[in-house]
């Protein structure tokens, strides 16, 4: 997805992938901390979905700006919220199905 816009930046494109993964690990920790602290499962889920959506829009529509730094920032935000949603989603699912028979 990034290579057509930055054909000479193959190393940076790999680093963008690492940025998404590391930001997602950080987002997972922060999301879990927020759930433990405030117990607002639905609000946290909806906000994370919303920020993931805007992160994806931002990442997609800023690819052609010609600035790899902007792509890195957007990749960090996208990874933080989108990958960080995984533990939030699991916690929310466990919370709404808690008294399972």
PDB file of N, CA and C in Angstrom:
ATOM      1  N   UNK A   1       0.821  -1.190   0.000  1.00  0.00           N
ATOM      2  CA  UNK A   1       0.000   0.000   0.000  1.00  0.00           C
ATOM      3  C   UNK A   1       0.869   1.259   0.000  1.00  0.00           C
ATOM      4  N   UNK A   2       2.006   1.223   0.656  1.00  0.00           N
ATOM      5  CA  UNK A   2       2.856   2.404   0.766  1.00  0.00           C
ATOM      6  C   UNK A   2       3.870   2.461  -0.371  1.00  0.00           C
ATOM      7  N   UNK A   3       4.305   1.317  -0.868  1.00  0.00           N
ATOM      8  CA  UNK A   3       5.373   1.246  -1.866  1.00  0.00           C
ATOM      9  C   UNK A   3       5.106   2.053  -3.137  1.00  0.00           C
ATOM     10  N   UNK A   4       3.885   2.080  -3.686  1.00  0.00           N
ATOM     11  CA  UNK A   4       3.680   2.897  -4.888  1.00  0.00           C
ATOM     12  C   UNK A   4       3.911   4.399  -4.660  1.00  0.00           C
ATOM     13  N   UNK A   5       3.732   4.858  -3.441  1.00  0.00           N
ATOM     14  CA  UNK A   5       3.910   6.279  -3.155  1.00  0.00           C
ATOM     15  C   UNK A   5       5.357   6.621  -2.809  1.00  0.00           C
ATOM     16  N   UNK A   6       6.107   5.650  -2.288  1.00  0.00           N
ATOM     17  CA  UNK A   6       7.499   5.856  -1.885  1.00  0.00           C
ATOM     18  C   UNK A   6       8.344   4.693  -2.403  1.00  0.00           C
ATOM     19  N   UNK A   7       8.580   4.619  -3.713  1.00  0.00           N
ATOM     20  CA  UNK A   7       9.273   3.452  -4.278  1.00  0.00           C
ATOM     21  C   UNK A   7      10.737   3.330  -3.865  1.00  0.00           C
ATOM     22  N   UNK A   8      11.362   4.400  -3.430  1.00  0.00           N
ATOM     23  CA  UNK A   8      12.780   4.335  -3.033  1.00  0.00           C
ATOM     24  C   UNK A   8      12.953   4.167  -1.532  1.00  0.00           C
ATOM     25  N   UNK A   9      11.885   4.045  -0.800  1.00  0.00           N
ATOM     26  CA  UNK A   9      11.940   3.972   0.666  1.00  0.00           C
ATOM     27  C   UNK A   9      11.586   2.579   1.181  1.00  0.00           C
ATOM     28  N   UNK A  10      12.168   1.545   0.607  1.00  0.00           N
ATOM     29  CA  UNK A  10      11.789   0.186   1.001  1.00  0.00           C
ATOM     30  C   UNK A  10      12.157  -0.111   2.456  1.00  0.00           C
ATOM     31  N   UNK A  11      13.273   0.414   2.931  1.00  0.00           N
ATOM     32  CA  UNK A  11      13.648   0.193   4.336  1.00  0.00           C
ATOM     33  C   UNK A  11      12.684   0.927   5.274  1.00  0.00           C
ATOM     34  N   UNK A  12      12.320   2.136   4.923  1.00  0.00           N
ATOM     35  CA  UNK A  12      11.387   2.906   5.748  1.00  0.00           C
ATOM     36  C   UNK A  12      10.011   2.248   5.776  1.00  0.00           C
ATOM     37  N   UNK A  13       9.635   1.603   4.691  1.00  0.00           N
ATOM     38  CA  UNK A  13       8.336   0.932   4.656  1.00  0.00           C
ATOM     39  C   UNK A  13       8.313  -0.230   5.641  1.00  0.00           C
ATOM     40  N   UNK A  14       9.412  -0.962   5.746  1.00  0.00           N
ATOM     41  CA  UNK A  14       9.514  -2.008   6.760  1.00  0.00           C
ATOM     42  C   UNK A  14       9.455  -1.444   8.160  1.00  0.00           C
ATOM     43  N   UNK A  15      10.079  -0.291   8.354  1.00  0.00           N
ATOM     44  CA  UNK A  15      10.043   0.364   9.661  1.00  0.00           C
ATOM     45  C   UNK A  15       8.641   0.867   9.993  1.00  0.00           C
ATOM     46  N   UNK A  16       7.872   1.211   8.991  1.00  0.00           N
ATOM     47  CA  UNK A  16       6.475   1.595   9.224  1.00  0.00           C
ATOM     48  C   UNK A  16       5.704   0.408   9.791  1.00  0.00           C
ATOM     49  N   UNK A  17       5.950  -0.776   9.249  1.00  0.00           N
ATOM     50  CA  UNK A  17       5.311  -1.979   9.787  1.00  0.00           C
ATOM     51  C   UNK A  17       5.690  -2.231  11.233  1.00  0.00           C
ATOM     52  N   UNK A  18       6.970  -2.049  11.549  1.00  0.00           N
ATOM     53  CA  UNK A  18       7.424  -2.209  12.938  1.00  0.00           C
ATOM     54  C   UNK A  18       6.765  -1.164  13.828  1.00  0.00           C
ATOM     55  N   UNK A  19       6.635   0.048  13.324  1.00  0.00           N
ATOM     56  CA  UNK A  19       5.988   1.117  14.086  1.00  0.00           C
ATOM     57  C   UNK A  19       4.545   0.752  14.420  1.00  0.00           C
ATOM     58  N   UNK A  20       3.834   0.183  13.463  1.00  0.00           N
ATOM     59  CA  UNK A  20       2.449  -0.217  13.706  1.00  0.00           C
ATOM     60  C   UNK A  20       2.382  -1.288  14.788  1.00  0.00           C
ATOM     61  N   UNK A  21       3.290  -2.258  14.731  1.00  0.00           N
ATOM     62  CA  UNK A  21       3.278  -3.348  15.714  1.00  0.00           C
ATOM     63  C   UNK A  21       3.627  -2.839  17.108  1.00  0.00           C
ATOM     64  N   UNK A  22       4.672  -2.029  17.216  1.00  0.00           N
ATOM     65  CA  UNK A  22       5.091  -1.510  18.527  1.00  0.00           C
ATOM     66  C   UNK A  22       4.022  -0.581  19.107  1.00  0.00           C
ATOM     67  N   UNK A  23       3.443   0.261  18.266  1.00  0.00           N
ATOM     68  CA  UNK A  23       2.368   1.133  18.737  1.00  0.00           C
ATOM     69  C   UNK A  23       1.173   0.314  19.193  1.00  0.00           C
ATOM     70  N   UNK A  24       0.895  -0.788  18.511  1.00  0.00           N
ATOM     71  CA  UNK A  24      -0.199  -1.667  18.919  1.00  0.00           C
ATOM     72  C   UNK A  24       0.052  -2.311  20.264  1.00  0.00           C
ATOM     73  N   UNK A  25       1.299  -2.692  20.529  1.00  0.00           N
ATOM     74  CA  UNK A  25       1.623  -3.260  21.845  1.00  0.00           C
ATOM     75  C   UNK A  25       1.415  -2.213  22.930  1.00  0.00           C
ATOM     76  N   UNK A  26       1.837  -0.992  22.655  1.00  0.00           N
ATOM     77  CA  UNK A  26       1.633   0.097  23.607  1.00  0.00           C
ATOM     78  C   UNK A  26       0.142   0.382  23.784  1.00  0.00           C
ATOM     79  N   UNK A  27      -0.603   0.399  22.682  1.00  0.00           N
ATOM     80  CA  UNK A  27      -2.044   0.622  22.756  1.00  0.00           C
ATOM     81  C   UNK A  27      -2.765  -0.472  23.524  1.00  0.00           C
ATOM     82  N   UNK A  28      -2.287  -1.699  23.422  1.00  0.00           N
ATOM     83  CA  UNK A  28      -2.883  -2.801  24.180  1.00  0.00           C
ATOM     84  C   UNK A  28      -2.721  -2.594  25.672  1.00  0.00           C
ATOM     85  N   UNK A  29      -1.536  -2.162  26.071  1.00  0.00           N
ATOM     86  CA  UNK A  29      -1.275  -1.924  27.494  1.00  0.00           C
ATOM     87  C   UNK A  29      -2.114  -0.755  28.000  1.00  0.00           C
ATOM     88  N   UNK A  30      -2.132   0.331  27.242  1.00  0.00           N
ATOM     89  CA  UNK A  30      -2.900   1.509  27.655  1.00  0.00           C
ATOM     90  C   UNK A  30      -4.395   1.191  27.699  1.00  0.00           C
ATOM     91  N   UNK A  31      -4.897   0.473  26.698  1.00  0.00           N
ATOM     92  CA  UNK A  31      -6.312   0.104  26.686  1.00  0.00           C
ATOM     93  C   UNK A  31      -6.689  -0.767  27.871  1.00  0.00           C
ATOM     94  N   UNK A  32      -5.848  -1.734  28.192  1.00  0.00           N
ATOM     95  CA  UNK A  32      -6.104  -2.577  29.359  1.00  0.00           C
ATOM     96  C   UNK A  32      -6.082  -1.791  30.654  1.00  0.00           C
ATOM     97  N   UNK A  33      -5.141  -0.858  30.752  1.00  0.00           N
ATOM     98  CA  UNK A  33      -5.067  -0.014  31.943  1.00  0.00           C
ATOM     99  C   UNK A  33      -6.328   0.839  32.088  1.00  0.00           C
ATOM    100  N   UNK A  34      -6.785   1.421  30.991  1.00  0.00           N
ATOM    101  CA  UNK A  34      -7.994   2.252  31.045  1.00  0.00           C
ATOM    102  C   UNK A  34      -9.221   1.433  31.436  1.00  0.00           C
ATOM    103  N   UNK A  35      -9.327   0.212  30.919  1.00  0.00           N
ATOM    104  CA  UNK A  35     -10.459  -0.637  31.292  1.00  0.00           C
ATOM    105  C   UNK A  35     -10.410  -1.011  32.765  1.00  0.00           C
ATOM    106  N   UNK A  36      -9.230  -1.338  33.263  1.00  0.00           N
ATOM    107  CA  UNK A  36      -9.105  -1.687  34.679  1.00  0.00           C
ATOM    108  C   UNK A  36      -9.417  -0.501  35.578  1.00  0.00           C
ATOM    109  N   UNK A  37      -9.033   0.668  35.137  1.00  0.00           N
ATOM    110  CA  UNK A  37      -9.196   1.855  35.979  1.00  0.00           C
ATOM    111  C   UNK A  37     -10.629   2.377  35.987  1.00  0.00           C
ATOM    112  N   UNK A  38     -11.260   2.457  34.815  1.00  0.00           N
ATOM    113  CA  UNK A  38     -12.557   3.124  34.717  1.00  0.00           C
ATOM    114  C   UNK A  38     -13.741   2.184  34.521  1.00  0.00           C
ATOM    115  N   UNK A  39     -13.527   0.952  34.110  1.00  0.00           N
ATOM    116  CA  UNK A  39     -14.600  -0.042  33.915  1.00  0.00           C
ATOM    117  C   UNK A  39     -15.674   0.427  32.925  1.00  0.00           C
ATOM    118  N   UNK A  40     -15.292   1.200  31.943  1.00  0.00           N
ATOM    119  CA  UNK A  40     -16.214   1.696  30.908  1.00  0.00           C
ATOM    120  C   UNK A  40     -15.958   0.922  29.616  1.00  0.00           C
ATOM    121  N   UNK A  41     -16.461  -0.301  29.566  1.00  0.00           N
ATOM    122  CA  UNK A  41     -16.144  -1.195  28.466  1.00  0.00           C
ATOM    123  C   UNK A  41     -16.735  -0.721  27.141  1.00  0.00           C
ATOM    124  N   UNK A  42     -18.019  -0.395  27.139  1.00  0.00           N
ATOM    125  CA  UNK A  42     -18.658   0.008  25.888  1.00  0.00           C
ATOM    126  C   UNK A  42     -18.103   1.342  25.395  1.00  0.00           C
ATOM    127  N   UNK A  43     -17.922   2.302  26.285  1.00  0.00           N
ATOM    128  CA  UNK A  43     -17.377   3.600  25.894  1.00  0.00           C
ATOM    129  C   UNK A  43     -15.971   3.451  25.328  1.00  0.00           C
ATOM    130  N   UNK A  44     -15.153   2.652  25.980  1.00  0.00           N
ATOM    131  CA  UNK A  44     -13.787   2.440  25.504  1.00  0.00           C
ATOM    132  C   UNK A  44     -13.792   1.765  24.141  1.00  0.00           C
ATOM    133  N   UNK A  45     -14.673   0.798  23.955  1.00  0.00           N
ATOM    134  CA  UNK A  45     -14.768   0.100  22.673  1.00  0.00           C
ATOM    135  C   UNK A  45     -15.195   1.046  21.558  1.00  0.00           C
ATOM    136  N   UNK A  46     -16.215   1.835  21.809  1.00  0.00           N
ATOM    137  CA  UNK A  46     -16.714   2.761  20.791  1.00  0.00           C
ATOM    138  C   UNK A  46     -15.663   3.818  20.455  1.00  0.00           C
ATOM    139  N   UNK A  47     -15.015   4.365  21.469  1.00  0.00           N
ATOM    140  CA  UNK A  47     -13.983   5.368  21.212  1.00  0.00           C
ATOM    141  C   UNK A  47     -12.805   4.780  20.448  1.00  0.00           C
ATOM    142  N   UNK A  48     -12.425   3.565  20.782  1.00  0.00           N
ATOM    143  CA  UNK A  48     -11.313   2.935  20.077  1.00  0.00           C
ATOM    144  C   UNK A  48     -11.677   2.674  18.615  1.00  0.00           C
ATOM    145  N   UNK A  49     -12.895   2.206  18.372  1.00  0.00           N
ATOM    146  CA  UNK A  49     -13.359   2.037  16.992  1.00  0.00           C
ATOM    147  C   UNK A  49     -13.331   3.369  16.244  1.00  0.00           C
ATOM    148  N   UNK A  50     -13.805   4.413  16.882  1.00  0.00           N
ATOM    149  CA  UNK A  50     -13.841   5.731  16.258  1.00  0.00           C
ATOM    150  C   UNK A  50     -12.437   6.226  15.923  1.00  0.00           C
ATOM    151  N   UNK A  51     -11.522   6.128  16.880  1.00  0.00           N
ATOM    152  CA  UNK A  51     -10.146   6.562  16.634  1.00  0.00           C
ATOM    153  C   UNK A  51      -9.455   5.670  15.603  1.00  0.00           C
ATOM    154  N   UNK A  52      -9.789   4.387  15.572  1.00  0.00           N
ATOM    155  CA  UNK A  52      -9.238   3.496  14.546  1.00  0.00           C
ATOM    156  C   UNK A  52      -9.719   3.919  13.160  1.00  0.00           C
ATOM    157  N   UNK A  53     -10.991   4.255  13.070  1.00  0.00           N
ATOM    158  CA  UNK A  53     -11.558   4.702  11.797  1.00  0.00           C
ATOM    159  C   UNK A  53     -10.869   5.972  11.307  1.00  0.00           C
ATOM    160  N   UNK A  54     -10.730   6.952  12.193  1.00  0.00           N
ATOM    161  CA  UNK A  54     -10.074   8.195  11.790  1.00  0.00           C
ATOM    162  C   UNK A  54      -8.586   7.988  11.530  1.00  0.00           C
ATOM    163  N   UNK A  55      -7.975   7.070  12.254  1.00  0.00           N
ATOM    164  CA  UNK A  55      -6.573   6.743  11.989  1.00  0.00           C
ATOM    165  C   UNK A  55      -6.391   6.126  10.617  1.00  0.00           C
ATOM    166  N   UNK A  56      -7.313   5.243  10.231  1.00  0.00           N
ATOM    167  CA  UNK A  56      -7.235   4.627   8.904  1.00  0.00           C
ATOM    168  C   UNK A  56      -7.474   5.658   7.809  1.00  0.00           C
ATOM    169  N   UNK A  57      -8.445   6.536   8.014  1.00  0.00           N
ATOM    170  CA  UNK A  57      -8.673   7.604   7.036  1.00  0.00           C
ATOM    171  C   UNK A  57      -7.454   8.503   6.906  1.00  0.00           C
ATOM    172  N   UNK A  58      -6.900   8.885   8.028  1.00  0.00           N
ATOM    173  CA  UNK A  58      -5.726   9.750   8.024  1.00  0.00           C
ATOM    174  C   UNK A  58      -4.546   9.074   7.336  1.00  0.00           C
ATOM    175  N   UNK A  59      -4.318   7.813   7.654  1.00  0.00           N
ATOM    176  CA  UNK A  59      -3.217   7.073   7.037  1.00  0.00           C
ATOM    177  C   UNK A  59      -3.417   6.971   5.529  1.00  0.00           C
ATOM    178  N   UNK A  60      -4.624   6.663   5.107  1.00  0.00           N
ATOM    179  CA  UNK A  60      -4.905   6.465   3.688  1.00  0.00           C
ATOM    180  C   UNK A  60      -4.774   7.753   2.891  1.00  0.00           C
ATOM    181  N   UNK A  61      -5.314   8.841   3.419  1.00  0.00           N
ATOM    182  CA  UNK A  61      -5.357  10.072   2.641  1.00  0.00           C
ATOM    183  C   UNK A  61      -4.119  10.945   2.780  1.00  0.00           C
ATOM    184  N   UNK A  62      -3.168  10.549   3.609  1.00  0.00           N
ATOM    185  CA  UNK A  62      -1.921  11.317   3.692  1.00  0.00           C
ATOM    186  C   UNK A  62      -0.747  10.576   3.062  1.00  0.00           C
ATOM    187  N   UNK A  63      -0.993   9.429   2.459  1.00  0.00           N
ATOM    188  CA  UNK A  63       0.095   8.691   1.816  1.00  0.00           C
ATOM    189  C   UNK A  63       0.728   9.473   0.672  1.00  0.00           C
ATOM    190  N   UNK A  64      -0.067  10.196  -0.068  1.00  0.00           N
ATOM    191  CA  UNK A  64       0.451  10.879  -1.253  1.00  0.00           C
ATOM    192  C   UNK A  64       0.943  12.301  -0.988  1.00  0.00           C
ATOM    193  N   UNK A  65       1.151  12.666   0.269  1.00  0.00           N
ATOM    194  CA  UNK A  65       1.648  14.009   0.578  1.00  0.00           C
ATOM    195  C   UNK A  65       3.136  14.170   0.300  1.00  0.00           C
ATOM    196  N   UNK A  66       3.850  13.062   0.202  1.00  0.00           N
ATOM    197  CA  UNK A  66       5.281  13.134  -0.083  1.00  0.00           C
ATOM    198  C   UNK A  66       6.155  13.216   1.145  1.00  0.00           C
ATOM    199  N   UNK A  67       5.583  13.129   2.328  1.00  0.00           N
ATOM    200  CA  UNK A  67       6.352  13.198   3.568  1.00  0.00           C
ATOM    201  C   UNK A  67       6.273  11.859   4.291  1.00  0.00           C
ATOM    202  N   UNK A  68       7.403  11.177   4.367  1.00  0.00           N
ATOM    203  CA  UNK A  68       7.433   9.880   5.037  1.00  0.00           C
ATOM    204  C   UNK A  68       7.238  10.041   6.541  1.00  0.00           C
ATOM    205  N   UNK A  69       7.593  11.204   7.090  1.00  0.00           N
ATOM    206  CA  UNK A  69       7.406  11.455   8.526  1.00  0.00           C
ATOM    207  C   UNK A  69       5.919  11.470   8.879  1.00  0.00           C
ATOM    208  N   UNK A  70       5.104  12.048   8.024  1.00  0.00           N
ATOM    209  CA  UNK A  70       3.656  12.074   8.254  1.00  0.00           C
ATOM    210  C   UNK A  70       3.099  10.651   8.214  1.00  0.00           C
ATOM    211  N   UNK A  71       3.623   9.842   7.321  1.00  0.00           N
ATOM    212  CA  UNK A  71       3.180   8.445   7.232  1.00  0.00           C
ATOM    213  C   UNK A  71       3.547   7.698   8.510  1.00  0.00           C
ATOM    214  N   UNK A  72       4.738   7.955   9.055  1.00  0.00           N
ATOM    215  CA  UNK A  72       5.143   7.310  10.309  1.00  0.00           C
ATOM    216  C   UNK A  72       4.224   7.708  11.464  1.00  0.00           C
ATOM    217  N   UNK A  73       3.895   8.971  11.563  1.00  0.00           N
ATOM    218  CA  UNK A  73       3.010   9.435  12.642  1.00  0.00           C
ATOM    219  C   UNK A  73       1.634   8.787  12.504  1.00  0.00           C
ATOM    220  N   UNK A  74       1.111   8.775  11.299  1.00  0.00           N
ATOM    221  CA  UNK A  74      -0.199   8.157  11.080  1.00  0.00           C
ATOM    222  C   UNK A  74      -0.157   6.648  11.290  1.00  0.00           C
ATOM    223  N   UNK A  75       0.949   6.013  10.945  1.00  0.00           N
ATOM    224  CA  UNK A  75       1.094   4.574  11.190  1.00  0.00           C
ATOM    225  C   UNK A  75       1.109   4.293  12.687  1.00  0.00           C
ATOM    226  N   UNK A  76       1.757   5.156  13.453  1.00  0.00           N
ATOM    227  CA  UNK A  76       1.773   4.982  14.907  1.00  0.00           C
ATOM    228  C   UNK A  76       0.356   5.095  15.468  1.00  0.00           C
ATOM    229  N   UNK A  77      -0.371   6.120  15.058  1.00  0.00           N
ATOM    230  CA  UNK A  77      -1.743   6.298  15.544  1.00  0.00           C
ATOM    231  C   UNK A  77      -2.642   5.138  15.115  1.00  0.00           C
ATOM    232  N   UNK A  78      -2.498   4.705  13.878  1.00  0.00           N
ATOM    233  CA  UNK A  78      -3.294   3.583  13.386  1.00  0.00           C
ATOM    234  C   UNK A  78      -2.990   2.316  14.175  1.00  0.00           C
ATOM    235  N   UNK A  79      -1.724   2.025  14.382  1.00  0.00           N
ATOM    236  CA  UNK A  79      -1.349   0.837  15.138  1.00  0.00           C
ATOM    237  C   UNK A  79      -1.788   0.909  16.585  1.00  0.00           C
ATOM    238  N   UNK A  80      -1.655   2.083  17.183  1.00  0.00           N
ATOM    239  CA  UNK A  80      -2.028   2.261  18.582  1.00  0.00           C
ATOM    240  C   UNK A  80      -3.494   1.927  18.808  1.00  0.00           C
ATOM    241  N   UNK A  81      -4.357   2.444  17.965  1.00  0.00           N
ATOM    242  CA  UNK A  81      -5.789   2.242  18.174  1.00  0.00           C
ATOM    243  C   UNK A  81      -6.304   0.945  17.553  1.00  0.00           C
ATOM    244  N   UNK A  82      -5.872   0.612  16.344  1.00  0.00           N
ATOM    245  CA  UNK A  82      -6.428  -0.563  15.678  1.00  0.00           C
ATOM    246  C   UNK A  82      -5.924  -1.865  16.311  1.00  0.00           C
ATOM    247  N   UNK A  83      -4.632  -1.985  16.489  1.00  0.00           N
ATOM    248  CA  UNK A  83      -4.095  -3.194  17.112  1.00  0.00           C
ATOM    249  C   UNK A  83      -4.374  -3.189  18.605  1.00  0.00           C
ATOM    250  N   UNK A  84      -4.408  -2.007  19.194  1.00  0.00           N
ATOM    251  CA  UNK A  84      -4.716  -1.900  20.616  1.00  0.00           C
ATOM    252  C   UNK A  84      -6.137  -2.284  20.957  1.00  0.00           C
ATOM    253  N   UNK A  85      -6.983  -2.426  19.924  1.00  0.00           N
ATOM    254  CA  UNK A  85      -8.367  -2.818  20.173  1.00  0.00           C
ATOM    255  C   UNK A  85      -8.494  -4.283  20.584  1.00  0.00           C
ATOM    256  N   UNK A  86      -7.554  -5.108  20.210  1.00  0.00           N
ATOM    257  CA  UNK A  86      -7.681  -6.555  20.462  1.00  0.00           C
ATOM    258  C   UNK A  86      -7.958  -6.890  21.925  1.00  0.00           C
ATOM    259  N   UNK A  87      -7.151  -6.452  22.884  1.00  0.00           N
ATOM    260  CA  UNK A  87      -7.478  -6.795  24.276  1.00  0.00           C
ATOM    261  C   UNK A  87      -8.744  -6.105  24.768  1.00  0.00           C
ATOM    262  N   UNK A  88      -9.030  -4.925  24.240  1.00  0.00           N
ATOM    263  CA  UNK A  88     -10.261  -4.233  24.630  1.00  0.00           C
ATOM    264  C   UNK A  88     -11.469  -5.046  24.169  1.00  0.00           C
ATOM    265  N   UNK A  89     -11.416  -5.550  22.948  1.00  0.00           N
ATOM    266  CA  UNK A  89     -12.506  -6.371  22.435  1.00  0.00           C
ATOM    267  C   UNK A  89     -12.683  -7.666  23.214  1.00  0.00           C
ATOM    268  N   UNK A  90     -11.570  -8.313  23.564  1.00  0.00           N
ATOM    269  CA  UNK A  90     -11.657  -9.545  24.351  1.00  0.00           C
ATOM    270  C   UNK A  90     -12.231  -9.273  25.735  1.00  0.00           C
ATOM    271  N   UNK A  91     -11.803  -8.200  26.365  1.00  0.00           N
ATOM    272  CA  UNK A  91     -12.322  -7.850  27.691  1.00  0.00           C
ATOM    273  C   UNK A  91     -13.809  -7.506  27.626  1.00  0.00           C
ATOM    274  N   UNK A  92     -14.198  -6.779  26.587  1.00  0.00           N
ATOM    275  CA  UNK A  92     -15.604  -6.415  26.432  1.00  0.00           C
ATOM    276  C   UNK A  92     -16.455  -7.665  26.199  1.00  0.00           C
ATOM    277  N   UNK A  93     -15.965  -8.583  25.373  1.00  0.00           N
ATOM    278  CA  UNK A  93     -16.698  -9.826  25.125  1.00  0.00           C
ATOM    279  C   UNK A  93     -16.826 -10.647  26.404  1.00  0.00           C
ATOM    280  N   UNK A  94     -15.770 -10.699  27.185  1.00  0.00           N
ATOM    281  CA  UNK A  94     -15.829 -11.437  28.450  1.00  0.00           C
ATOM    282  C   UNK A  94     -16.797 -10.773  29.424  1.00  0.00           C
ATOM    283  N   UNK A  95     -16.843  -9.456  29.403  1.00  0.00           N
ATOM    284  CA  UNK A  95     -17.717  -8.721  30.317  1.00  0.00           C
ATOM    285  C   UNK A  95     -19.190  -8.930  29.972  1.00  0.00           C
ATOM    286  N   UNK A  96     -19.536  -8.897  28.688  1.00  0.00           N
ATOM    287  CA  UNK A  96     -20.954  -9.016  28.333  1.00  0.00           C
ATOM    288  C   UNK A  96     -21.436 -10.464  28.343  1.00  0.00           C
ATOM    289  N   UNK A  97     -20.530 -11.427  28.364  1.00  0.00           N
ATOM    290  CA  UNK A  97     -20.932 -12.837  28.410  1.00  0.00           C
ATOM    291  C   UNK A  97     -20.549 -13.480  29.732  1.00  0.00           C
ATOM    292  N   UNK A  98     -20.333 -12.694  30.767  1.00  0.00           N
ATOM    293  CA  UNK A  98     -19.796 -13.213  32.027  1.00  0.00           C
ATOM    294  C   UNK A  98     -20.620 -14.333  32.647  1.00  0.00           C
ATOM    295  N   UNK A  99     -21.915 -14.173  32.847  1.00  0.00           N
ATOM    296  CA  UNK A  99     -22.631 -15.281  33.502  1.00  0.00           C
ATOM    297  C   UNK A  99     -22.995 -16.395  32.522  1.00  0.00           C
ATOM    298  N   UNK A 100     -22.033 -16.823  31.743  1.00  0.00           N
ATOM    299  CA  UNK A 100     -22.289 -17.890  30.767  1.00  0.00           C
ATOM    300  C   UNK A 100     -22.567 -19.200  31.483  1.00  0.00           C
ATOM    301  N   UNK A 101     -23.552 -19.926  30.988  1.00  0.00           N
ATOM    302  CA  UNK A 101     -23.947 -21.179  31.636  1.00  0.00           C
ATOM    303  C   UNK A 101     -23.050 -22.320  31.227  1.00  0.00           C
TER     304      UNK A 101
END
